[in-house]
Amino acid sequence: MNLFQKVKMEYSKVEWPSKTEVIHSTIWVITMTVIISVYLGVFDILAVRALNVLEALI
């Protein structure tokens, strides 16, 4: 049995997700990415303002 036959045999054993599972997973990943991006953006703005206040005190 050569490599390509083995690969084909293993490939046939793979259980692929359904279209619905792929769509739900994609939506979940995009949603979490947006939420984390907003959180980090707000944290960054607050950190910069806090550092500016500290810098003004010095």
N, C-alpha and C. Protein backbone atom coordinates (compact mmCIF):
# COMPACT_ATOMS: atom_id res chain seq x y z
N MET A 1 0.86 -1.18 0.00
CA MET A 1 0.00 0.00 0.00
C MET A 1 0.90 1.24 0.00
N ASN A 2 0.70 2.11 -0.96
CA ASN A 2 1.54 3.30 -1.00
C ASN A 2 0.92 4.42 -0.15
N LEU A 3 1.65 5.49 -0.07
CA LEU A 3 1.24 6.60 0.79
C LEU A 3 -0.12 7.16 0.38
N PHE A 4 -0.35 7.35 -0.90
CA PHE A 4 -1.60 7.96 -1.36
C PHE A 4 -2.81 7.08 -1.05
N GLN A 5 -2.64 5.78 -1.11
CA GLN A 5 -3.74 4.87 -0.76
C GLN A 5 -4.05 4.96 0.73
N LYS A 6 -3.00 5.08 1.54
CA LYS A 6 -3.19 5.21 2.98
C LYS A 6 -3.88 6.53 3.32
N VAL A 7 -3.45 7.58 2.64
CA VAL A 7 -4.06 8.89 2.87
C VAL A 7 -5.54 8.84 2.48
N LYS A 8 -5.85 8.25 1.35
CA LYS A 8 -7.23 8.14 0.89
C LYS A 8 -8.07 7.33 1.89
N MET A 9 -7.51 6.26 2.43
CA MET A 9 -8.22 5.44 3.40
C MET A 9 -8.49 6.24 4.69
N GLU A 10 -7.50 6.95 5.16
CA GLU A 10 -7.68 7.76 6.37
C GLU A 10 -8.65 8.91 6.12
N TYR A 11 -8.57 9.49 4.95
CA TYR A 11 -9.44 10.61 4.58
C TYR A 11 -10.90 10.17 4.59
N SER A 12 -11.17 8.94 4.22
CA SER A 12 -12.55 8.44 4.21
C SER A 12 -13.09 8.23 5.63
N LYS A 13 -12.20 8.14 6.62
CA LYS A 13 -12.62 7.94 8.01
C LYS A 13 -12.98 9.25 8.71
N VAL A 14 -12.62 10.36 8.11
CA VAL A 14 -12.85 11.66 8.73
C VAL A 14 -14.34 11.95 8.80
N GLU A 15 -14.80 12.41 9.96
CA GLU A 15 -16.20 12.80 10.11
C GLU A 15 -16.27 14.32 10.00
N TRP A 16 -16.75 14.80 8.88
CA TRP A 16 -16.79 16.23 8.60
C TRP A 16 -18.00 16.85 9.30
N PRO A 17 -17.85 18.09 9.77
CA PRO A 17 -19.00 18.75 10.41
C PRO A 17 -20.08 19.08 9.38
N SER A 18 -21.29 19.19 9.87
CA SER A 18 -22.39 19.54 8.98
C SER A 18 -22.32 21.03 8.65
N LYS A 19 -23.07 21.43 7.65
CA LYS A 19 -23.11 22.84 7.25
C LYS A 19 -23.59 23.71 8.40
N THR A 20 -24.58 23.22 9.14
CA THR A 20 -25.12 23.97 10.28
C THR A 20 -24.05 24.15 11.36
N GLU A 21 -23.29 23.10 11.65
CA GLU A 21 -22.23 23.21 12.65
C GLU A 21 -21.17 24.22 12.23
N VAL A 22 -20.82 24.22 10.96
CA VAL A 22 -19.82 25.16 10.46
C VAL A 22 -20.33 26.59 10.58
N ILE A 23 -21.59 26.81 10.23
CA ILE A 23 -22.17 28.15 10.30
C ILE A 23 -22.22 28.63 11.75
N HIS A 24 -22.68 27.78 12.66
CA HIS A 24 -22.75 28.17 14.08
C HIS A 24 -21.36 28.44 14.65
N SER A 25 -20.40 27.62 14.31
CA SER A 25 -19.03 27.83 14.80
C SER A 25 -18.45 29.14 14.26
N THR A 26 -18.71 29.42 13.00
CA THR A 26 -18.21 30.65 12.39
C THR A 26 -18.82 31.87 13.05
N ILE A 27 -20.13 31.83 13.27
CA ILE A 27 -20.82 32.95 13.94
C ILE A 27 -20.27 33.14 15.35
N TRP A 28 -20.03 32.04 16.06
CA TRP A 28 -19.50 32.13 17.42
C TRP A 28 -18.11 32.76 17.43
N VAL A 29 -17.26 32.35 16.50
CA VAL A 29 -15.90 32.89 16.44
C VAL A 29 -15.93 34.38 16.10
N ILE A 30 -16.75 34.78 15.15
CA ILE A 30 -16.84 36.20 14.78
C ILE A 30 -17.37 37.02 15.95
N THR A 31 -18.40 36.51 16.63
CA THR A 31 -18.98 37.22 17.78
C THR A 31 -17.95 37.40 18.89
N MET A 32 -17.24 36.34 19.22
CA MET A 32 -16.23 36.43 20.28
C MET A 32 -15.09 37.37 19.88
N THR A 33 -14.72 37.37 18.61
CA THR A 33 -13.67 38.27 18.14
C THR A 33 -14.09 39.72 18.30
N VAL A 34 -15.33 40.03 17.96
CA VAL A 34 -15.83 41.41 18.10
C VAL A 34 -15.88 41.80 19.57
N ILE A 35 -16.40 40.92 20.42
CA ILE A 35 -16.51 41.23 21.85
C ILE A 35 -15.14 41.47 22.46
N ILE A 36 -14.18 40.62 22.18
CA ILE A 36 -12.84 40.78 22.74
C ILE A 36 -12.16 42.03 22.18
N SER A 37 -12.38 42.33 20.91
CA SER A 37 -11.80 43.53 20.31
C SER A 37 -12.34 44.80 20.97
N VAL A 38 -13.64 44.84 21.21
CA VAL A 38 -14.24 46.00 21.88
C VAL A 38 -13.69 46.12 23.30
N TYR A 39 -13.62 45.01 24.02
CA TYR A 39 -13.09 45.02 25.38
C TYR A 39 -11.66 45.55 25.40
N LEU A 40 -10.82 45.04 24.52
CA LEU A 40 -9.42 45.50 24.49
C LEU A 40 -9.32 46.95 24.05
N GLY A 41 -10.17 47.38 23.13
CA GLY A 41 -10.17 48.78 22.71
C GLY A 41 -10.53 49.71 23.85
N VAL A 42 -11.56 49.37 24.60
CA VAL A 42 -11.97 50.19 25.75
C VAL A 42 -10.86 50.19 26.80
N PHE A 43 -10.29 49.03 27.07
CA PHE A 43 -9.20 48.95 28.04
C PHE A 43 -8.02 49.82 27.60
N ASP A 44 -7.70 49.80 26.32
CA ASP A 44 -6.59 50.59 25.80
C ASP A 44 -6.86 52.08 25.98
N ILE A 45 -8.06 52.52 25.66
CA ILE A 45 -8.41 53.94 25.81
C ILE A 45 -8.31 54.35 27.27
N LEU A 46 -8.84 53.53 28.17
CA LEU A 46 -8.77 53.86 29.60
C LEU A 46 -7.34 53.85 30.11
N ALA A 47 -6.52 52.94 29.65
CA ALA A 47 -5.13 52.88 30.08
C ALA A 47 -4.37 54.12 29.61
N VAL A 48 -4.60 54.55 28.38
CA VAL A 48 -3.93 55.75 27.86
C VAL A 48 -4.35 56.97 28.66
N ARG A 49 -5.64 57.08 28.96
CA ARG A 49 -6.11 58.23 29.75
C ARG A 49 -5.52 58.21 31.15
N ALA A 50 -5.44 57.03 31.76
CA ALA A 50 -4.86 56.93 33.10
C ALA A 50 -3.39 57.32 33.09
N LEU A 51 -2.67 56.89 32.07
CA LEU A 51 -1.25 57.25 31.97
C LEU A 51 -1.08 58.74 31.71
N ASN A 52 -1.97 59.34 30.94
CA ASN A 52 -1.90 60.79 30.72
C ASN A 52 -2.15 61.55 32.00
N VAL A 53 -3.07 61.08 32.83
CA VAL A 53 -3.33 61.72 34.12
C VAL A 53 -2.10 61.59 35.01
N LEU A 54 -1.51 60.42 35.06
CA LEU A 54 -0.30 60.23 35.87
C LEU A 54 0.85 61.09 35.37
N GLU A 55 0.96 61.20 34.06
CA GLU A 55 2.02 62.03 33.48
C GLU A 55 1.82 63.50 33.83
N ALA A 56 0.58 63.95 33.87
CA ALA A 56 0.29 65.34 34.21
C ALA A 56 0.62 65.63 35.67
N LEU A 57 0.55 64.63 36.51
CA LEU A 57 0.85 64.83 37.93
C LEU A 57 2.35 64.93 38.19
N ILE A 58 3.15 64.42 37.28
CA ILE A 58 4.60 64.39 37.50
C ILE A 58 5.24 65.65 37.03
